[in-house]
Amino acid sequence: MKNKFSLKTVVLEVFIVIVGISIAFWLNNWGEEKKERRLEVEFLKTLRSDLAIDSAAFVYQIQQNERNIKHLRAFVKILRNEDYINDSVSWYVGAFLNRNNWIINSNTYEILKSGGKLDIISDFELRSDISVFYRIRAFQADRILDVIQNFADDQMDPYLTKNTDYFISRSPDSSFIRDLEFQNLLALWTEFSDQKLRLYEGILADITQLIFKLDAHLK
């Protein structure tokens, strides 16, 4: 009887230990989960702030690009009509080469990615959307802007350098606008500007949708 009682006692003690360990393990997991959720919220709020800044910047960039394209097309039309003495020519020459660009701010995303912490975003679909935006959309934007910048550096700038007199002289020689090479460069620059505008409009639409999803998740 004594041995039986001792065995029950041992079993009970083992059970109590197992339950205690299980509870401690559960509490630890619960604490870690709570910690990750706090970290997730902080990260997503920071990411949303980045996107809000980008959104405002792209709205401005789109407005600027729309205006620039309007001027570029008017300039191209003047040159096609060979209206070289048009009073607006001097203004168009000085203003057409707009290079205001805005690159997606991916710092917050890159910090989380490099730290292997993307999994803290509990919503798989949201995590996927965020990754696609920063991996694909940001890469696409960088590539397109690089192409445009290379065109300016390798073709447009060298041509304009040969005609710097136009930009520094009080009586500049505008004969270069009759040059077919310049007109072709201007037409290409207009096409690149159209491409950049479409890119920015697409990015803004993606940002708007992503902010909406972030807001829904944070609620």
C-alpha atoms as a PDB file:
ATOM      1  CA  MET A   1       0.000   0.000   0.000  1.00  0.00           C
ATOM      2  CA  LYS A   2       2.861   2.288   0.847  1.00  0.00           C
ATOM      3  CA  ASN A   3       4.563   1.625  -2.497  1.00  0.00           C
ATOM      4  CA  LYS A   4       1.302   2.212  -4.339  1.00  0.00           C
ATOM      5  CA  PHE A   5       0.850   5.529  -2.554  1.00  0.00           C
ATOM      6  CA  SER A   6       4.417   6.513  -3.383  1.00  0.00           C
ATOM      7  CA  LEU A   7       3.889   5.657  -7.055  1.00  0.00           C
ATOM      8  CA  LYS A   8       0.769   7.806  -7.174  1.00  0.00           C
ATOM      9  CA  THR A   9       2.686  10.610  -5.552  1.00  0.00           C
ATOM     10  CA  VAL A  10       5.488  10.348  -8.088  1.00  0.00           C
ATOM     11  CA  VAL A  11       3.016  10.276 -10.980  1.00  0.00           C
ATOM     12  CA  LEU A  12       1.217  13.288  -9.570  1.00  0.00           C
ATOM     13  CA  GLU A  13       4.439  15.184  -9.111  1.00  0.00           C
ATOM     14  CA  VAL A  14       5.532  14.349 -12.667  1.00  0.00           C
ATOM     15  CA  PHE A  15       2.134  15.479 -13.933  1.00  0.00           C
ATOM     16  CA  ILE A  16       2.410  18.741 -12.017  1.00  0.00           C
ATOM     17  CA  VAL A  17       5.895  19.330 -13.449  1.00  0.00           C
ATOM     18  CA  ILE A  18       4.707  18.617 -16.992  1.00  0.00           C
ATOM     19  CA  VAL A  19       1.724  20.933 -16.565  1.00  0.00           C
ATOM     20  CA  GLY A  20       3.988  23.623 -15.105  1.00  0.00           C
ATOM     21  CA  ILE A  21       6.439  23.325 -17.990  1.00  0.00           C
ATOM     22  CA  SER A  22       3.589  23.385 -20.497  1.00  0.00           C
ATOM     23  CA  ILE A  23       2.110  26.506 -18.924  1.00  0.00           C
ATOM     24  CA  ALA A  24       5.521  28.180 -18.826  1.00  0.00           C
ATOM     25  CA  PHE A  25       6.098  27.224 -22.458  1.00  0.00           C
ATOM     26  CA  TRP A  26       2.657  28.543 -23.421  1.00  0.00           C
ATOM     27  CA  LEU A  27       3.204  31.790 -21.543  1.00  0.00           C
ATOM     28  CA  ASN A  28       6.576  32.206 -23.208  1.00  0.00           C
ATOM     29  CA  ASN A  29       5.056  31.616 -26.661  1.00  0.00           C
ATOM     30  CA  TRP A  30       2.201  33.959 -25.850  1.00  0.00           C
ATOM     31  CA  GLY A  31       4.686  36.634 -24.777  1.00  0.00           C
ATOM     32  CA  GLU A  32       6.755  36.172 -27.943  1.00  0.00           C
ATOM     33  CA  GLU A  33       3.617  36.283 -30.093  1.00  0.00           C
ATOM     34  CA  LYS A  34       2.475  39.471 -28.362  1.00  0.00           C
ATOM     35  CA  LYS A  35       5.934  40.967 -28.856  1.00  0.00           C
ATOM     36  CA  GLU A  36       5.870  40.088 -32.565  1.00  0.00           C
ATOM     37  CA  ARG A  37       2.412  41.603 -32.978  1.00  0.00           C
ATOM     38  CA  ARG A  38       3.637  44.859 -31.410  1.00  0.00           C
ATOM     39  CA  LEU A  39       6.653  44.799 -33.721  1.00  0.00           C
ATOM     40  CA  GLU A  40       4.373  44.091 -36.674  1.00  0.00           C
ATOM     41  CA  VAL A  41       2.158  47.070 -35.857  1.00  0.00           C
ATOM     42  CA  GLU A  42       5.158  49.376 -35.436  1.00  0.00           C
ATOM     43  CA  PHE A  43       6.652  48.234 -38.719  1.00  0.00           C
ATOM     44  CA  LEU A  44       3.397  48.538 -40.645  1.00  0.00           C
ATOM     45  CA  LYS A  45       2.739  52.021 -39.254  1.00  0.00           C
ATOM     46  CA  THR A  46       6.238  53.103 -40.326  1.00  0.00           C
ATOM     47  CA  LEU A  47       5.716  51.526 -43.731  1.00  0.00           C
ATOM     48  CA  ARG A  48       2.380  53.281 -44.090  1.00  0.00           C
ATOM     49  CA  SER A  49       4.041  56.595 -43.253  1.00  0.00           C
ATOM     50  CA  ASP A  50       6.660  55.950 -45.968  1.00  0.00           C
ATOM     51  CA  LEU A  51       3.937  55.147 -48.468  1.00  0.00           C
ATOM     52  CA  ALA A  52       1.951  58.267 -47.551  1.00  0.00           C
ATOM     53  CA  ILE A  53       5.022  60.422 -48.218  1.00  0.00           C
ATOM     54  CA  ASP A  54       5.632  58.612 -51.509  1.00  0.00           C
ATOM     55  CA  SER A  55       1.973  59.045 -52.443  1.00  0.00           C
ATOM     56  CA  ALA A  56       2.104  62.823 -51.976  1.00  0.00           C
ATOM     57  CA  ALA A  57       5.388  62.970 -53.889  1.00  0.00           C
ATOM     58  CA  PHE A  58       4.027  60.976 -56.830  1.00  0.00           C
ATOM     59  CA  VAL A  59       0.881  63.133 -56.969  1.00  0.00           C
ATOM     60  CA  TYR A  60       3.163  66.151 -57.330  1.00  0.00           C
ATOM     61  CA  GLN A  61       5.425  64.373 -59.832  1.00  0.00           C
ATOM     62  CA  ILE A  62       2.451  63.359 -61.957  1.00  0.00           C
ATOM     63  CA  GLN A  63       1.196  66.936 -62.041  1.00  0.00           C
ATOM     64  CA  GLN A  64       4.662  68.182 -63.001  1.00  0.00           C
ATOM     65  CA  ASN A  65       5.079  65.542 -65.685  1.00  0.00           C
ATOM     66  CA  GLU A  66       1.658  66.257 -67.163  1.00  0.00           C
ATOM     67  CA  ARG A  67       2.577  69.918 -67.420  1.00  0.00           C
ATOM     68  CA  ASN A  68       5.999  69.137 -68.879  1.00  0.00           C
ATOM     69  CA  ILE A  69       4.558  66.776 -71.472  1.00  0.00           C
ATOM     70  CA  LYS A  70       2.042  69.414 -72.492  1.00  0.00           C
ATOM     71  CA  HIS A  71       4.905  71.861 -73.054  1.00  0.00           C
ATOM     72  CA  LEU A  72       7.004  69.257 -74.851  1.00  0.00           C
ATOM     73  CA  ARG A  73       4.216  68.437 -77.271  1.00  0.00           C
ATOM     74  CA  ALA A  74       3.641  72.122 -77.937  1.00  0.00           C
ATOM     75  CA  PHE A  75       7.373  72.542 -78.602  1.00  0.00           C
ATOM     76  CA  VAL A  76       7.450  69.520 -80.927  1.00  0.00           C
ATOM     77  CA  LYS A  77       4.443  70.915 -82.792  1.00  0.00           C
ATOM     78  CA  ILE A  78       6.174  74.271 -83.276  1.00  0.00           C
ATOM     79  CA  LEU A  79       9.258  72.576 -84.694  1.00  0.00           C
ATOM     80  CA  ARG A  80       7.235  70.307 -86.981  1.00  0.00           C
ATOM     81  CA  ASN A  81       5.478  73.384 -88.346  1.00  0.00           C
ATOM     82  CA  GLU A  82       8.934  74.999 -88.767  1.00  0.00           C
ATOM     83  CA  ASP A  83       7.694  77.969 -86.752  1.00  0.00           C
ATOM     84  CA  TYR A  84      11.232  78.717 -85.594  1.00  0.00           C
ATOM     85  CA  ILE A  85      10.601  82.405 -84.847  1.00  0.00           C
ATOM     86  CA  ASN A  86       7.693  81.680 -82.517  1.00  0.00           C
ATOM     87  CA  ASP A  87       7.922  83.867 -79.400  1.00  0.00           C
ATOM     88  CA  SER A  88       7.620  80.797 -77.138  1.00  0.00           C
ATOM     89  CA  VAL A  89      10.646  78.979 -78.539  1.00  0.00           C
ATOM     90  CA  SER A  90      13.172  80.524 -76.144  1.00  0.00           C
ATOM     91  CA  TRP A  91      11.035  79.565 -73.146  1.00  0.00           C
ATOM     92  CA  TYR A  92      10.512  76.002 -74.368  1.00  0.00           C
ATOM     93  CA  VAL A  93      14.231  75.498 -74.990  1.00  0.00           C
ATOM     94  CA  GLY A  94      15.051  76.582 -71.465  1.00  0.00           C
ATOM     95  CA  ALA A  95      12.341  74.523 -69.802  1.00  0.00           C
ATOM     96  CA  PHE A  96      11.880  71.288 -71.718  1.00  0.00           C
ATOM     97  CA  LEU A  97      14.550  69.136 -70.082  1.00  0.00           C
ATOM     98  CA  ASN A  98      12.850  68.386 -66.778  1.00  0.00           C
ATOM     99  CA  ARG A  99      14.543  65.756 -64.656  1.00  0.00           C
ATOM    100  CA  ASN A 100      12.481  65.749 -61.490  1.00  0.00           C
ATOM    101  CA  ASN A 101      12.388  62.126 -60.424  1.00  0.00           C
ATOM    102  CA  TRP A 102      11.119  60.396 -57.322  1.00  0.00           C
ATOM    103  CA  ILE A 103      12.355  56.984 -56.271  1.00  0.00           C
ATOM    104  CA  ILE A 104      10.262  54.738 -54.041  1.00  0.00           C
ATOM    105  CA  ASN A 105      11.475  54.849 -50.439  1.00  0.00           C
ATOM    106  CA  SER A 106      12.120  51.209 -49.577  1.00  0.00           C
ATOM    107  CA  ASN A 107      14.289  51.703 -46.473  1.00  0.00           C
ATOM    108  CA  THR A 108      11.788  50.290 -43.974  1.00  0.00           C
ATOM    109  CA  TYR A 109      11.079  47.271 -46.157  1.00  0.00           C
ATOM    110  CA  GLU A 110      14.783  46.605 -46.747  1.00  0.00           C
ATOM    111  CA  ILE A 111      15.537  46.783 -43.003  1.00  0.00           C
ATOM    112  CA  LEU A 112      12.882  44.177 -42.272  1.00  0.00           C
ATOM    113  CA  LYS A 113      13.886  42.011 -45.241  1.00  0.00           C
ATOM    114  CA  SER A 114      17.604  42.073 -44.447  1.00  0.00           C
ATOM    115  CA  GLY A 115      16.823  41.144 -40.848  1.00  0.00           C
ATOM    116  CA  GLY A 116      14.732  38.167 -41.964  1.00  0.00           C
ATOM    117  CA  LYS A 117      11.687  39.616 -40.217  1.00  0.00           C
ATOM    118  CA  LEU A 118       9.149  39.741 -43.051  1.00  0.00           C
ATOM    119  CA  ASP A 119       7.321  36.806 -41.482  1.00  0.00           C
ATOM    120  CA  ILE A 120       6.145  39.002 -38.613  1.00  0.00           C
ATOM    121  CA  ILE A 121       3.489  40.301 -41.030  1.00  0.00           C
ATOM    122  CA  SER A 122       0.767  37.864 -40.027  1.00  0.00           C
ATOM    123  CA  ASP A 123      -1.456  38.394 -43.077  1.00  0.00           C
ATOM    124  CA  PHE A 124       0.099  36.307 -45.868  1.00  0.00           C
ATOM    125  CA  GLU A 125      -1.673  38.188 -48.667  1.00  0.00           C
ATOM    126  CA  LEU A 126      -0.619  41.563 -47.285  1.00  0.00           C
ATOM    127  CA  ARG A 127       2.951  40.346 -46.845  1.00  0.00           C
ATOM    128  CA  SER A 128       2.956  39.134 -50.445  1.00  0.00           C
ATOM    129  CA  ASP A 129       1.555  42.445 -51.744  1.00  0.00           C
ATOM    130  CA  ILE A 130       4.198  44.422 -49.848  1.00  0.00           C
ATOM    131  CA  SER A 131       7.010  42.214 -51.149  1.00  0.00           C
ATOM    132  CA  VAL A 132       5.775  42.397 -54.750  1.00  0.00           C
ATOM    133  CA  PHE A 133       5.496  46.183 -54.579  1.00  0.00           C
ATOM    134  CA  TYR A 134       9.002  46.739 -53.250  1.00  0.00           C
ATOM    135  CA  ARG A 135      10.748  43.930 -55.136  1.00  0.00           C
ATOM    136  CA  ILE A 136       9.078  44.294 -58.537  1.00  0.00           C
ATOM    137  CA  ARG A 137       7.546  47.765 -58.749  1.00  0.00           C
ATOM    138  CA  ALA A 138      10.519  49.534 -57.175  1.00  0.00           C
ATOM    139  CA  PHE A 139      12.938  47.566 -59.381  1.00  0.00           C
ATOM    140  CA  GLN A 140      10.899  48.412 -62.474  1.00  0.00           C
ATOM    141  CA  ALA A 141      10.893  52.101 -61.546  1.00  0.00           C
ATOM    142  CA  ASP A 142      14.660  52.126 -60.979  1.00  0.00           C
ATOM    143  CA  ARG A 143      15.300  50.455 -64.330  1.00  0.00           C
ATOM    144  CA  ILE A 144      13.070  52.817 -66.302  1.00  0.00           C
ATOM    145  CA  LEU A 145      14.498  55.912 -64.619  1.00  0.00           C
ATOM    146  CA  ASP A 146      18.021  54.605 -65.280  1.00  0.00           C
ATOM    147  CA  VAL A 147      17.228  54.263 -68.979  1.00  0.00           C
ATOM    148  CA  ILE A 148      15.877  57.804 -69.095  1.00  0.00           C
ATOM    149  CA  GLN A 149      18.873  59.154 -67.185  1.00  0.00           C
ATOM    150  CA  ASN A 150      21.284  57.314 -69.475  1.00  0.00           C
ATOM    151  CA  PHE A 151      19.568  58.840 -72.494  1.00  0.00           C
ATOM    152  CA  ALA A 152      20.021  62.297 -70.990  1.00  0.00           C
ATOM    153  CA  ASP A 153      23.660  61.646 -70.049  1.00  0.00           C
ATOM    154  CA  ASP A 154      24.724  59.911 -73.256  1.00  0.00           C
ATOM    155  CA  GLN A 155      22.707  61.730 -75.904  1.00  0.00           C
ATOM    156  CA  MET A 156      20.822  64.811 -74.790  1.00  0.00           C
ATOM    157  CA  ASP A 157      23.489  66.423 -72.597  1.00  0.00           C
ATOM    158  CA  PRO A 158      26.326  66.008 -75.127  1.00  0.00           C
ATOM    159  CA  TYR A 159      24.144  67.651 -77.749  1.00  0.00           C
ATOM    160  CA  LEU A 160      23.171  70.534 -75.464  1.00  0.00           C
ATOM    161  CA  THR A 161      26.808  71.013 -74.426  1.00  0.00           C
ATOM    162  CA  LYS A 162      27.574  71.929 -78.015  1.00  0.00           C
ATOM    163  CA  ASN A 163      24.932  74.649 -77.766  1.00  0.00           C
ATOM    164  CA  THR A 164      25.621  76.114 -74.335  1.00  0.00           C
ATOM    165  CA  ASP A 165      25.808  79.537 -75.926  1.00  0.00           C
ATOM    166  CA  TYR A 166      22.028  79.445 -76.012  1.00  0.00           C
ATOM    167  CA  PHE A 167      21.827  79.258 -72.234  1.00  0.00           C
ATOM    168  CA  ILE A 168      24.521  81.795 -71.326  1.00  0.00           C
ATOM    169  CA  SER A 169      24.421  84.415 -74.080  1.00  0.00           C
ATOM    170  CA  ARG A 170      22.218  87.498 -74.027  1.00  0.00           C
ATOM    171  CA  SER A 171      21.708  87.015 -77.741  1.00  0.00           C
ATOM    172  CA  PRO A 172      21.722  83.226 -78.032  1.00  0.00           C
ATOM    173  CA  ASP A 173      21.860  81.420 -81.340  1.00  0.00           C
ATOM    174  CA  SER A 174      18.725  79.286 -81.614  1.00  0.00           C
ATOM    175  CA  SER A 175      19.560  77.846 -85.016  1.00  0.00           C
ATOM    176  CA  PHE A 176      20.184  74.412 -83.472  1.00  0.00           C
ATOM    177  CA  ILE A 177      16.428  73.911 -83.014  1.00  0.00           C
ATOM    178  CA  ARG A 178      16.248  73.540 -86.811  1.00  0.00           C
ATOM    179  CA  ASP A 179      18.622  70.604 -86.559  1.00  0.00           C
ATOM    180  CA  LEU A 180      16.942  67.269 -87.254  1.00  0.00           C
ATOM    181  CA  GLU A 181      19.136  65.620 -84.599  1.00  0.00           C
ATOM    182  CA  PHE A 182      17.795  67.958 -81.940  1.00  0.00           C
ATOM    183  CA  GLN A 183      14.215  67.434 -83.075  1.00  0.00           C
ATOM    184  CA  ASN A 184      14.667  63.655 -82.923  1.00  0.00           C
ATOM    185  CA  LEU A 185      16.168  63.922 -79.443  1.00  0.00           C
ATOM    186  CA  LEU A 186      13.255  66.108 -78.373  1.00  0.00           C
ATOM    187  CA  ALA A 187      10.736  63.581 -79.733  1.00  0.00           C
ATOM    188  CA  LEU A 188      12.513  60.776 -77.835  1.00  0.00           C
ATOM    189  CA  TRP A 189      12.547  62.848 -74.663  1.00  0.00           C
ATOM    190  CA  THR A 190       8.803  63.359 -75.049  1.00  0.00           C
ATOM    191  CA  GLU A 191       8.293  59.597 -75.361  1.00  0.00           C
ATOM    192  CA  PHE A 192      10.423  58.985 -72.278  1.00  0.00           C
ATOM    193  CA  SER A 193       8.406  61.572 -70.378  1.00  0.00           C
ATOM    194  CA  ASP A 194       5.189  59.796 -71.387  1.00  0.00           C
ATOM    195  CA  GLN A 195       6.664  56.524 -70.174  1.00  0.00           C
ATOM    196  CA  LYS A 196       7.670  58.063 -66.851  1.00  0.00           C
ATOM    197  CA  LEU A 197       4.194  59.522 -66.405  1.00  0.00           C
ATOM    198  CA  ARG A 198       2.568  56.126 -66.950  1.00  0.00           C
ATOM    199  CA  LEU A 199       5.044  54.576 -64.521  1.00  0.00           C
ATOM    200  CA  TYR A 200       4.263  57.155 -61.835  1.00  0.00           C
ATOM    201  CA  GLU A 201       0.512  56.751 -62.326  1.00  0.00           C
ATOM    202  CA  GLY A 202       0.845  52.987 -61.926  1.00  0.00           C
ATOM    203  CA  ILE A 203       2.972  53.366 -58.802  1.00  0.00           C
ATOM    204  CA  LEU A 204       0.496  55.811 -57.271  1.00  0.00           C
ATOM    205  CA  ALA A 205      -2.375  53.382 -57.911  1.00  0.00           C
ATOM    206  CA  ASP A 206      -0.385  50.571 -56.262  1.00  0.00           C
ATOM    207  CA  ILE A 207       0.466  52.757 -53.263  1.00  0.00           C
ATOM    208  CA  THR A 208      -3.166  53.807 -52.822  1.00  0.00           C
ATOM    209  CA  GLN A 209      -4.276  50.170 -52.832  1.00  0.00           C
ATOM    210  CA  LEU A 210      -1.504  49.119 -50.455  1.00  0.00           C
ATOM    211  CA  ILE A 211      -2.339  51.897 -47.980  1.00  0.00           C
ATOM    212  CA  PHE A 212      -5.974  50.791 -48.035  1.00  0.00           C
ATOM    213  CA  LYS A 213      -4.946  47.201 -47.213  1.00  0.00           C
ATOM    214  CA  LEU A 214      -2.583  48.364 -44.478  1.00  0.00           C
ATOM    215  CA  ASP A 215      -5.311  50.453 -42.875  1.00  0.00           C
ATOM    216  CA  ALA A 216      -7.725  47.512 -42.969  1.00  0.00           C
ATOM    217  CA  HIS A 217      -5.152  45.220 -41.361  1.00  0.00           C
ATOM    218  CA  LEU A 218      -4.146  47.708 -38.671  1.00  0.00           C
ATOM    219  CA  LYS A 219      -7.766  48.165 -37.640  1.00  0.00           C
END
